[in-house]
Amino acid sequence: MTDLSRYRPNVGVVLFHPDGRVWFGRRAGTPEPHNWQFPQGGVDEGEDLEAAARRELAEETGATTVTYLARTDGWIVYDFPEGWGGSKAWRGFKGQKQVWFAFRFDGEEAEFDLAAHHEPEFDAWRWGYLAEAPDLIVPFKRPAYEQVVRAFAPLAATNGAG
C-alpha cells in the first residue's frame, strides 16, 4: 500500500465544452511534444477539494462560469521522476496525489485569460478530445491521465477514433 503522506495533495480539472470536447493548456516554457495538460494545482491546508479545483481553474484559465459534473473516487497518485528537480520534490514530496473534477464550461470563450493570476502556467489553449490527453502529457503523468480518461469517458465527445 502506498504511503500517501509522502505525496502532495493536488486537484486536477477536466473542463468540458458543452459539445463534449475538453480544454487543454500548453505549459509555458515546456518543450514539445508533451507540453499540453489540464489545469491542476495544490490544495491549501483545510481547503475543500472542489473549492480548490474551482480556484485552480480560475487562476490558471480565468474560467469561472462552470457547472460541476463529476469527480474521481479516491486519490490518483503519480511519482516524480528520479532526479526531477521541481519545487515540490525539493520540499520532500515523492509525487502528487490528486482528485480530479469534471466541470462543464458555460461561459463565453472571452472569459479565458491565461494571465489572470500570477505568472501564467499556460501560454496557449485549445479544445480537443479527452482520449488525446495521455499522449499530450509528460510521460511520468501518463498513467494518472489514463485513469482520468477512463473516469470521465462517459462525459466526452469522441473524434471517431474512440
Protein backbone atom coordinates (compact mmCIF):
# COMPACT_ATOMS: atom_id res chain seq x y z
CA MET A 1 0.00 0.00 0.00
CA THR A 2 1.27 3.48 -0.92
CA ASP A 3 2.16 5.86 1.91
CA LEU A 4 0.07 8.86 0.82
CA SER A 5 1.72 11.16 3.38
CA ARG A 6 4.71 11.50 1.01
CA TYR A 7 2.50 12.87 -1.78
CA ARG A 8 1.45 16.49 -2.21
CA PRO A 9 -2.36 16.94 -2.17
CA ASN A 10 -3.47 18.21 -5.54
CA VAL A 11 -6.59 18.66 -7.64
CA GLY A 12 -6.99 18.46 -11.39
CA VAL A 13 -9.75 19.78 -13.64
CA VAL A 14 -11.09 18.49 -16.91
CA LEU A 15 -13.11 21.34 -18.37
CA PHE A 16 -15.71 20.12 -20.85
CA HIS A 17 -17.08 22.20 -23.68
CA PRO A 18 -20.87 21.69 -23.98
CA ASP A 19 -20.17 19.57 -27.10
CA GLY A 20 -18.03 17.12 -25.06
CA ARG A 21 -14.56 18.29 -26.13
CA VAL A 22 -12.10 19.23 -23.38
CA TRP A 23 -9.83 22.19 -22.63
CA PHE A 24 -6.06 21.72 -22.98
CA GLY A 25 -3.47 24.28 -21.92
CA ARG A 26 0.05 24.40 -23.34
CA ARG A 27 2.51 24.67 -20.44
CA ALA A 28 4.55 27.83 -20.69
CA GLY A 29 8.25 27.16 -21.19
CA THR A 30 7.81 23.41 -21.67
CA PRO A 31 9.24 21.90 -24.87
CA GLU A 32 7.16 19.85 -27.30
CA PRO A 33 5.79 17.27 -27.73
CA HIS A 34 4.49 16.60 -24.19
CA ASN A 35 3.54 20.11 -23.17
CA TRP A 36 -0.27 20.10 -23.09
CA GLN A 37 -2.21 19.33 -19.95
CA PHE A 38 -5.30 20.03 -17.87
CA PRO A 39 -5.35 22.66 -15.11
CA GLN A 40 -4.13 21.31 -11.79
CA GLY A 41 -2.67 22.59 -8.57
CA GLY A 42 -2.09 22.19 -4.88
CA VAL A 43 -4.68 22.10 -2.13
CA ASP A 44 -4.26 24.58 0.71
CA GLU A 45 -4.37 23.26 4.30
CA GLY A 46 -8.02 22.63 5.23
CA GLU A 47 -9.32 23.64 1.77
CA ASP A 48 -12.33 21.81 0.36
CA LEU A 49 -11.26 19.81 -2.72
CA GLU A 50 -13.96 21.15 -5.03
CA ALA A 51 -13.22 24.71 -3.88
CA ALA A 52 -9.53 24.08 -4.62
CA ALA A 53 -10.40 22.80 -8.11
CA ARG A 54 -12.51 25.89 -8.85
CA ARG A 55 -9.75 28.16 -7.52
CA GLU A 56 -7.05 26.49 -9.59
CA LEU A 57 -9.24 26.60 -12.71
CA ALA A 58 -9.85 30.34 -12.24
CA GLU A 59 -6.18 31.06 -11.50
CA GLU A 60 -4.83 29.12 -14.48
CA THR A 61 -7.50 29.81 -17.12
CA GLY A 62 -9.66 32.71 -15.92
CA ALA A 63 -12.75 30.48 -16.28
CA THR A 64 -15.35 30.70 -13.51
CA THR A 65 -18.64 30.08 -15.36
CA VAL A 66 -18.70 26.31 -14.85
CA THR A 67 -21.05 23.57 -13.69
CA TYR A 68 -19.92 20.58 -11.62
CA LEU A 69 -20.31 17.27 -13.49
CA ALA A 70 -18.32 14.61 -11.61
CA ARG A 71 -15.20 13.77 -9.61
CA THR A 72 -12.89 10.80 -9.32
CA ASP A 73 -13.08 8.46 -6.34
CA GLY A 74 -10.10 8.31 -4.02
CA TRP A 75 -6.62 9.57 -4.85
CA ILE A 76 -4.86 9.16 -8.19
CA VAL A 77 -1.13 9.07 -7.45
CA TYR A 78 1.96 9.67 -9.55
CA ASP A 79 5.65 9.80 -8.64
CA PHE A 80 8.08 12.48 -9.72
CA PRO A 81 10.80 11.01 -11.94
CA GLU A 82 14.17 10.14 -10.44
CA GLY A 83 16.34 13.25 -10.34
CA TRP A 84 13.43 15.56 -11.16
CA GLY A 85 14.22 18.98 -9.76
CA GLY A 86 10.79 20.53 -9.44
CA SER A 87 9.98 22.68 -6.41
CA LYS A 88 7.61 20.06 -4.96
CA ALA A 89 10.36 17.44 -4.97
CA TRP A 90 12.65 19.89 -3.20
CA ARG A 91 10.06 20.13 -0.42
CA GLY A 92 10.34 16.40 0.16
CA PHE A 93 7.34 15.08 -1.76
CA LYS A 94 7.69 11.81 -3.64
CA GLY A 95 4.93 12.80 -6.05
CA GLN A 96 1.37 14.05 -6.08
CA LYS A 97 -1.96 12.59 -5.02
CA GLN A 98 -4.86 14.01 -6.96
CA VAL A 99 -8.62 14.14 -7.01
CA TRP A 100 -9.92 15.14 -10.43
CA PHE A 101 -13.04 17.16 -11.16
CA ALA A 102 -15.07 17.44 -14.36
CA PHE A 103 -16.80 20.76 -14.98
CA ARG A 104 -18.81 21.96 -17.97
CA PHE A 105 -17.84 25.39 -19.29
CA ASP A 106 -20.96 27.54 -19.53
CA GLY A 107 -19.36 30.91 -20.29
CA GLU A 108 -18.08 32.76 -23.33
CA GLU A 109 -14.58 31.95 -24.58
CA ALA A 110 -13.54 35.56 -23.92
CA GLU A 111 -13.56 34.51 -20.24
CA PHE A 112 -10.30 32.60 -20.79
CA ASP A 113 -7.42 34.75 -19.54
CA LEU A 114 -4.23 32.77 -19.13
CA ALA A 115 -2.56 35.66 -17.31
CA ALA A 116 -5.44 36.09 -14.84
CA HIS A 117 -3.25 35.36 -11.81
CA HIS A 118 0.50 35.42 -11.20
CA GLU A 119 2.87 34.10 -13.82
CA PRO A 120 0.90 32.16 -16.45
CA GLU A 121 1.00 28.36 -16.26
CA PHE A 122 -0.14 28.17 -19.89
CA ASP A 123 0.79 30.20 -22.97
CA ALA A 124 -1.93 28.81 -25.28
CA TRP A 125 -5.09 26.74 -25.10
CA ARG A 126 -7.34 24.70 -27.36
CA TRP A 127 -10.32 22.39 -27.32
CA GLY A 128 -9.56 18.74 -28.02
CA TYR A 129 -10.69 15.22 -27.24
CA LEU A 130 -10.35 13.56 -23.85
CA ALA A 131 -8.81 10.44 -25.42
CA GLU A 132 -5.87 12.57 -26.67
CA ALA A 133 -4.78 13.52 -23.15
CA PRO A 134 -2.39 10.64 -22.29
CA ASP A 135 -0.37 11.26 -25.47
CA LEU A 136 -0.07 15.01 -24.80
CA ILE A 137 1.14 14.92 -21.18
CA VAL A 138 4.69 14.39 -19.92
CA PRO A 139 5.32 10.64 -19.71
CA PHE A 140 5.57 10.42 -15.91
CA LYS A 141 1.97 11.69 -15.59
CA ARG A 142 0.59 9.40 -18.32
CA PRO A 143 -0.75 6.61 -16.03
CA ALA A 144 -2.63 9.22 -13.97
CA TYR A 145 -4.11 10.76 -17.12
CA GLU A 146 -5.16 7.32 -18.34
CA GLN A 147 -7.15 6.89 -15.10
CA VAL A 148 -8.75 10.31 -15.57
CA VAL A 149 -9.70 9.49 -19.16
CA ARG A 150 -11.36 6.23 -18.04
CA ALA A 151 -13.22 8.01 -15.23
CA PHE A 152 -14.63 10.80 -17.40
CA ALA A 153 -15.03 8.96 -20.74
CA PRO A 154 -18.86 8.82 -20.42
CA LEU A 155 -18.91 12.66 -20.47
CA ALA A 156 -16.66 13.05 -23.51
CA ALA A 157 -17.15 13.54 -27.22
CA THR A 158 -15.20 11.21 -29.45
CA ASN A 159 -13.32 12.10 -32.61
CA GLY A 160 -14.46 8.91 -34.30
CA ALA A 161 -11.35 7.01 -33.18
CA GLY A 162 -12.58 6.06 -29.76
